[in-house]
Structure formats: C-alpha cells, structure tokens
C-alpha cells in the first residue's frame, strides 16, 4: 500500500488528482476492452467514486470514452480514446512515476 500511496502523492502533484495516474495506467493496459471503475476500485481497495472525477476529465479532453453496455450488463466500462501516441506518452509517464523513489523522510 505504501507504493500505491507514493504514486497517489506524485499523481496529485503531476496530474492534479491522486487517482488519475492509477486510472491512466489501467486504461493504457486494458486496451479495447476498457476498465470497469468498480473492478479497479475493488482491486485497489478504494471506493469507485475516487475514479469518477479523473475519468470525467479524461472524457472531456477526448482521451476516454464510455463503452456502450452489453445487453444485461450492469457494469460500465471506459476505454482509452484518441491519439495512440498520446496514450503511449501518458503510459510512459505513469511508468516513470512508479519508478520514482520516495524522498527521504516521506511517510
């Protein structure tokens, strides 16, 4: 969990939201199938609502789209959209943030 908290701290500083880096990484890894925010939240042990502001921002920027639900499917999926180069750059940025060492004395 300490690694997740460090990424969230960096995400807040770099992207303006504690959970945006996690969401970007998940979307970049998911491909066409997309990401269910509820599934992501369960895996990360956080409320799904923490991902709503960053996903809505990414939708407004044209970087994410909501996937039309399959018949009978209650879960909602979101997938990356737009420039493949932009997504490669975003994924690479998040990967470098994950490698960034915590400053000494950081909790």
N, C-alpha and C. Protein backbone atom coordinates (compact mmCIF):
# COMPACT_ATOMS: atom_id res chain seq x y z
N UNK A 1 0.83 -1.20 0.00
CA UNK A 1 0.00 0.00 0.00
C UNK A 1 0.87 1.26 0.00
N UNK A 2 2.07 1.16 0.58
CA UNK A 2 2.95 2.32 0.63
C UNK A 2 3.30 2.78 -0.78
N UNK A 3 3.55 1.81 -1.69
CA UNK A 3 3.87 2.16 -3.07
C UNK A 3 2.67 2.86 -3.72
N UNK A 4 1.48 2.37 -3.47
CA UNK A 4 0.27 3.00 -4.03
C UNK A 4 0.12 4.42 -3.51
N UNK A 5 0.38 4.63 -2.24
CA UNK A 5 0.26 5.98 -1.67
C UNK A 5 1.30 6.92 -2.26
N UNK A 6 2.50 6.42 -2.52
CA UNK A 6 3.53 7.26 -3.13
C UNK A 6 3.12 7.65 -4.55
N UNK A 7 2.58 6.70 -5.31
CA UNK A 7 2.11 7.02 -6.66
C UNK A 7 0.98 8.04 -6.59
N UNK A 8 0.09 7.90 -5.63
CA UNK A 8 -1.02 8.85 -5.48
C UNK A 8 -0.51 10.25 -5.13
N UNK A 9 0.51 10.32 -4.31
CA UNK A 9 1.10 11.62 -3.96
C UNK A 9 1.69 12.27 -5.21
N UNK A 10 2.43 11.49 -5.99
CA UNK A 10 3.01 12.01 -7.22
C UNK A 10 1.92 12.38 -8.23
N UNK A 11 0.88 11.55 -8.32
CA UNK A 11 -0.22 11.82 -9.23
C UNK A 11 -0.90 13.15 -8.91
N UNK A 12 -1.08 13.42 -7.62
CA UNK A 12 -1.69 14.69 -7.22
C UNK A 12 -0.85 15.86 -7.68
N UNK A 13 0.46 15.75 -7.54
CA UNK A 13 1.34 16.84 -7.94
C UNK A 13 1.46 17.00 -9.43
N UNK A 14 1.56 15.89 -10.15
CA UNK A 14 1.79 15.94 -11.59
C UNK A 14 0.49 16.11 -12.38
N UNK A 15 -0.55 15.37 -12.00
CA UNK A 15 -1.80 15.36 -12.75
C UNK A 15 -2.94 16.12 -12.08
N UNK A 16 -2.74 16.58 -10.85
CA UNK A 16 -3.78 17.34 -10.17
C UNK A 16 -4.87 16.50 -9.53
N UNK A 17 -4.68 15.18 -9.48
CA UNK A 17 -5.65 14.28 -8.86
C UNK A 17 -4.91 13.05 -8.37
N UNK A 18 -5.20 12.63 -7.15
CA UNK A 18 -4.49 11.50 -6.53
C UNK A 18 -4.66 10.18 -7.29
N UNK A 19 -5.75 10.00 -7.98
CA UNK A 19 -6.06 8.71 -8.59
C UNK A 19 -5.92 8.70 -10.12
N UNK A 20 -5.57 9.83 -10.72
CA UNK A 20 -5.50 9.90 -12.18
C UNK A 20 -4.41 8.99 -12.74
N UNK A 21 -3.25 8.92 -12.09
CA UNK A 21 -2.17 8.06 -12.61
C UNK A 21 -2.59 6.60 -12.61
N UNK A 22 -3.25 6.14 -11.54
CA UNK A 22 -3.74 4.75 -11.48
C UNK A 22 -4.72 4.48 -12.61
N UNK A 23 -5.62 5.42 -12.84
CA UNK A 23 -6.62 5.26 -13.89
C UNK A 23 -5.96 5.23 -15.26
N UNK A 24 -5.02 6.13 -15.50
CA UNK A 24 -4.31 6.16 -16.78
C UNK A 24 -3.60 4.83 -17.02
N UNK A 25 -2.92 4.32 -16.00
CA UNK A 25 -2.21 3.04 -16.14
C UNK A 25 -3.19 1.91 -16.47
N UNK A 26 -4.31 1.88 -15.78
CA UNK A 26 -5.30 0.82 -16.01
C UNK A 26 -5.89 0.92 -17.42
N UNK A 27 -6.20 2.13 -17.86
CA UNK A 27 -6.76 2.31 -19.20
C UNK A 27 -5.73 1.95 -20.27
N UNK A 28 -4.49 2.34 -20.06
CA UNK A 28 -3.43 2.03 -21.03
C UNK A 28 -3.23 0.52 -21.15
N UNK A 29 -3.33 -0.19 -20.03
CA UNK A 29 -3.13 -1.64 -20.03
C UNK A 29 -4.34 -2.40 -20.57
N UNK A 30 -5.53 -1.83 -20.46
CA UNK A 30 -6.77 -2.55 -20.77
C UNK A 30 -7.04 -2.71 -22.25
N UNK A 31 -6.59 -1.81 -23.07
CA UNK A 31 -6.87 -1.90 -24.49
C UNK A 31 -8.34 -1.64 -24.80
N UNK A 32 -8.83 -2.30 -25.85
CA UNK A 32 -10.20 -2.08 -26.32
C UNK A 32 -11.28 -2.50 -25.33
N UNK A 33 -10.98 -3.48 -24.49
CA UNK A 33 -11.99 -3.97 -23.55
C UNK A 33 -12.36 -2.91 -22.53
N UNK A 34 -11.43 -2.05 -22.20
CA UNK A 34 -11.71 -0.98 -21.26
C UNK A 34 -11.58 -1.40 -19.81
N UNK A 35 -11.96 -0.48 -18.94
CA UNK A 35 -11.82 -0.65 -17.50
C UNK A 35 -13.17 -0.39 -16.85
N UNK A 36 -13.56 -1.28 -15.95
CA UNK A 36 -14.73 -1.05 -15.10
C UNK A 36 -14.21 -0.39 -13.83
N UNK A 37 -14.70 0.81 -13.53
CA UNK A 37 -14.20 1.53 -12.36
C UNK A 37 -14.45 0.77 -11.07
N UNK A 38 -15.56 0.06 -10.99
CA UNK A 38 -15.85 -0.74 -9.81
C UNK A 38 -14.83 -1.86 -9.60
N UNK A 39 -14.46 -2.52 -10.70
CA UNK A 39 -13.45 -3.58 -10.61
C UNK A 39 -12.10 -3.01 -10.22
N UNK A 40 -11.73 -1.89 -10.82
CA UNK A 40 -10.47 -1.23 -10.49
C UNK A 40 -10.44 -0.83 -9.03
N UNK A 41 -11.53 -0.26 -8.56
CA UNK A 41 -11.62 0.18 -7.17
C UNK A 41 -11.50 -1.00 -6.21
N UNK A 42 -12.16 -2.11 -6.54
CA UNK A 42 -12.09 -3.28 -5.68
C UNK A 42 -10.65 -3.81 -5.62
N UNK A 43 -9.98 -3.83 -6.76
CA UNK A 43 -8.60 -4.31 -6.80
C UNK A 43 -7.66 -3.40 -6.01
N UNK A 44 -7.96 -2.10 -6.00
CA UNK A 44 -7.10 -1.12 -5.31
C UNK A 44 -7.58 -0.82 -3.88
N UNK A 45 -8.70 -1.41 -3.50
CA UNK A 45 -9.27 -1.24 -2.16
C UNK A 45 -9.60 0.22 -1.84
N UNK A 46 -10.26 0.86 -2.80
CA UNK A 46 -10.73 2.24 -2.63
C UNK A 46 -12.16 2.31 -3.15
N UNK A 47 -12.92 3.34 -2.79
CA UNK A 47 -14.27 3.50 -3.35
C UNK A 47 -14.20 3.83 -4.85
N UNK A 48 -15.12 3.29 -5.63
CA UNK A 48 -15.14 3.57 -7.07
C UNK A 48 -15.29 5.06 -7.36
N UNK A 49 -15.92 5.78 -6.46
CA UNK A 49 -16.15 7.21 -6.67
C UNK A 49 -14.87 8.02 -6.81
N UNK A 50 -13.73 7.50 -6.31
CA UNK A 50 -12.48 8.27 -6.43
C UNK A 50 -12.02 8.37 -7.88
N UNK A 51 -12.50 7.46 -8.72
CA UNK A 51 -12.10 7.47 -10.13
C UNK A 51 -13.04 8.30 -11.02
N UNK A 52 -14.18 8.72 -10.49
CA UNK A 52 -15.13 9.47 -11.32
C UNK A 52 -14.61 10.83 -11.77
N UNK A 53 -14.07 11.68 -10.88
CA UNK A 53 -13.56 12.97 -11.37
C UNK A 53 -12.47 12.82 -12.45
N UNK A 54 -11.47 11.93 -12.25
CA UNK A 54 -10.47 11.84 -13.31
C UNK A 54 -11.00 11.24 -14.60
N UNK A 55 -11.93 10.28 -14.53
CA UNK A 55 -12.45 9.72 -15.78
C UNK A 55 -13.29 10.75 -16.52
N UNK A 56 -14.06 11.55 -15.79
CA UNK A 56 -14.86 12.59 -16.45
C UNK A 56 -13.97 13.65 -17.09
N UNK A 57 -12.87 13.99 -16.45
CA UNK A 57 -11.92 14.93 -17.05
C UNK A 57 -11.32 14.35 -18.32
N UNK A 58 -10.92 13.08 -18.28
CA UNK A 58 -10.34 12.45 -19.47
C UNK A 58 -11.36 12.34 -20.60
N UNK A 59 -12.63 12.14 -20.27
CA UNK A 59 -13.69 12.13 -21.29
C UNK A 59 -13.81 13.51 -21.92
N UNK A 60 -13.86 14.56 -21.09
CA UNK A 60 -13.96 15.93 -21.62
C UNK A 60 -12.77 16.28 -22.51
N UNK A 61 -11.61 15.73 -22.21
CA UNK A 61 -10.41 16.00 -23.01
C UNK A 61 -10.35 15.17 -24.29
N UNK A 62 -11.30 14.25 -24.45
CA UNK A 62 -11.32 13.40 -25.63
C UNK A 62 -10.34 12.25 -25.57
N UNK A 63 -9.87 11.90 -24.38
CA UNK A 63 -8.91 10.81 -24.21
C UNK A 63 -9.55 9.50 -23.78
N UNK A 64 -10.79 9.55 -23.34
CA UNK A 64 -11.51 8.36 -22.86
C UNK A 64 -12.93 8.42 -23.38
N UNK A 65 -13.50 7.26 -23.63
CA UNK A 65 -14.92 7.17 -23.97
C UNK A 65 -15.57 6.06 -23.16
N UNK A 66 -16.83 6.26 -22.88
CA UNK A 66 -17.61 5.23 -22.19
C UNK A 66 -18.00 4.18 -23.20
N UNK A 67 -17.84 2.92 -22.83
CA UNK A 67 -18.17 1.80 -23.71
C UNK A 67 -19.66 1.53 -23.57
N UNK A 68 -20.39 1.41 -24.70
CA UNK A 68 -21.81 1.07 -24.60
C UNK A 68 -21.97 -0.28 -23.89
N UNK A 69 -22.91 -0.37 -22.95
CA UNK A 69 -23.05 -1.62 -22.19
C UNK A 69 -23.59 -2.75 -23.06
N UNK A 70 -23.10 -3.94 -22.79
CA UNK A 70 -23.64 -5.14 -23.45
C UNK A 70 -25.02 -5.40 -22.86
N UNK A 71 -25.91 -6.04 -23.61
CA UNK A 71 -27.24 -6.34 -23.08
C UNK A 71 -27.15 -7.10 -21.75
N UNK A 72 -27.86 -6.60 -20.77
CA UNK A 72 -27.89 -7.24 -19.46
C UNK A 72 -26.71 -6.91 -18.56
N UNK A 73 -25.75 -6.19 -19.07
CA UNK A 73 -24.55 -5.85 -18.28
C UNK A 73 -24.81 -4.60 -17.46
N UNK A 74 -24.59 -4.70 -16.16
CA UNK A 74 -24.80 -3.55 -15.27
C UNK A 74 -23.54 -2.73 -15.10
N UNK A 75 -22.39 -3.38 -15.22
CA UNK A 75 -21.13 -2.66 -15.05
C UNK A 75 -20.90 -1.74 -16.24
N UNK A 76 -20.24 -0.62 -15.97
CA UNK A 76 -19.93 0.34 -17.02
C UNK A 76 -18.42 0.36 -17.24
N UNK A 77 -18.04 0.31 -18.50
CA UNK A 77 -16.63 0.28 -18.86
C UNK A 77 -16.25 1.57 -19.58
N UNK A 78 -15.00 1.94 -19.42
CA UNK A 78 -14.42 3.10 -20.08
C UNK A 78 -13.14 2.63 -20.77
N UNK A 79 -12.88 3.17 -21.97
CA UNK A 79 -11.66 2.79 -22.67
C UNK A 79 -10.95 4.04 -23.18
N UNK A 80 -9.67 3.86 -23.42
CA UNK A 80 -8.89 4.99 -23.94
C UNK A 80 -9.39 5.34 -25.34
N UNK A 81 -9.18 6.57 -25.70
CA UNK A 81 -9.69 7.08 -26.97
C UNK A 81 -8.72 8.12 -27.48
N UNK A 82 -8.68 8.31 -28.76
CA UNK A 82 -7.84 9.36 -29.31
C UNK A 82 -6.46 8.86 -29.72
N UNK A 83 -5.53 9.74 -29.69
CA UNK A 83 -4.18 9.52 -30.20
C UNK A 83 -3.46 8.37 -29.49
N UNK A 84 -3.01 7.40 -30.27
CA UNK A 84 -2.21 6.31 -29.71
C UNK A 84 -0.90 6.86 -29.16
N UNK A 85 -0.34 7.86 -29.81
CA UNK A 85 0.91 8.46 -29.33
C UNK A 85 0.71 9.15 -27.99
N UNK A 86 -0.42 9.82 -27.83
CA UNK A 86 -0.70 10.47 -26.54
C UNK A 86 -0.80 9.42 -25.45
N UNK A 87 -1.46 8.30 -25.73
CA UNK A 87 -1.60 7.25 -24.73
C UNK A 87 -0.27 6.57 -24.43
N UNK A 88 0.57 6.42 -25.43
CA UNK A 88 1.91 5.86 -25.18
C UNK A 88 2.69 6.79 -24.26
N UNK A 89 2.58 8.08 -24.50
CA UNK A 89 3.29 9.06 -23.66
C UNK A 89 2.74 9.07 -22.24
N UNK A 90 1.42 9.05 -22.11
CA UNK A 90 0.81 9.02 -20.77
C UNK A 90 1.22 7.77 -20.01
N UNK A 91 1.16 6.62 -20.68
CA UNK A 91 1.54 5.36 -20.02
C UNK A 91 3.01 5.38 -19.61
N UNK A 92 3.86 5.92 -20.47
CA UNK A 92 5.29 6.01 -20.14
C UNK A 92 5.53 6.94 -18.96
N UNK A 93 4.80 8.04 -18.92
CA UNK A 93 4.94 8.98 -17.80
C UNK A 93 4.55 8.31 -16.49
N UNK A 94 3.43 7.60 -16.49
CA UNK A 94 3.00 6.91 -15.26
C UNK A 94 4.01 5.84 -14.88
N UNK A 95 4.54 5.11 -15.86
CA UNK A 95 5.54 4.08 -15.56
C UNK A 95 6.77 4.70 -14.91
N UNK A 96 7.20 5.86 -15.40
CA UNK A 96 8.36 6.54 -14.78
C UNK A 96 8.02 7.02 -13.37
N UNK A 97 6.80 7.49 -13.16
CA UNK A 97 6.40 7.90 -11.81
C UNK A 97 6.44 6.72 -10.84
N UNK A 98 6.03 5.55 -11.32
CA UNK A 98 6.06 4.35 -10.47
C UNK A 98 7.49 4.00 -10.05
N UNK A 99 8.46 4.35 -10.90
CA UNK A 99 9.86 4.07 -10.62
C UNK A 99 10.51 5.13 -9.73
N UNK A 100 9.88 6.27 -9.60
CA UNK A 100 10.45 7.40 -8.87
C UNK A 100 10.58 7.06 -7.39
N UNK A 101 11.78 7.23 -6.83
CA UNK A 101 11.95 6.92 -5.40
C UNK A 101 11.27 7.96 -4.52
N UNK A 102 10.74 7.49 -3.41
CA UNK A 102 10.15 8.41 -2.43
C UNK A 102 11.27 9.24 -1.81
N UNK A 103 11.03 10.53 -1.59
CA UNK A 103 12.07 11.34 -0.94
C UNK A 103 12.32 10.84 0.48
N UNK A 104 13.55 10.98 0.93
CA UNK A 104 13.85 10.53 2.29
C UNK A 104 13.03 11.33 3.28
N UNK A 105 12.52 10.63 4.27
CA UNK A 105 11.67 11.26 5.28
C UNK A 105 10.21 11.30 4.90
N UNK A 106 9.86 10.81 3.68
CA UNK A 106 8.45 10.80 3.27
C UNK A 106 7.74 9.68 4.00
N UNK A 107 6.52 9.95 4.41
CA UNK A 107 5.74 8.92 5.12
C UNK A 107 4.95 8.09 4.17
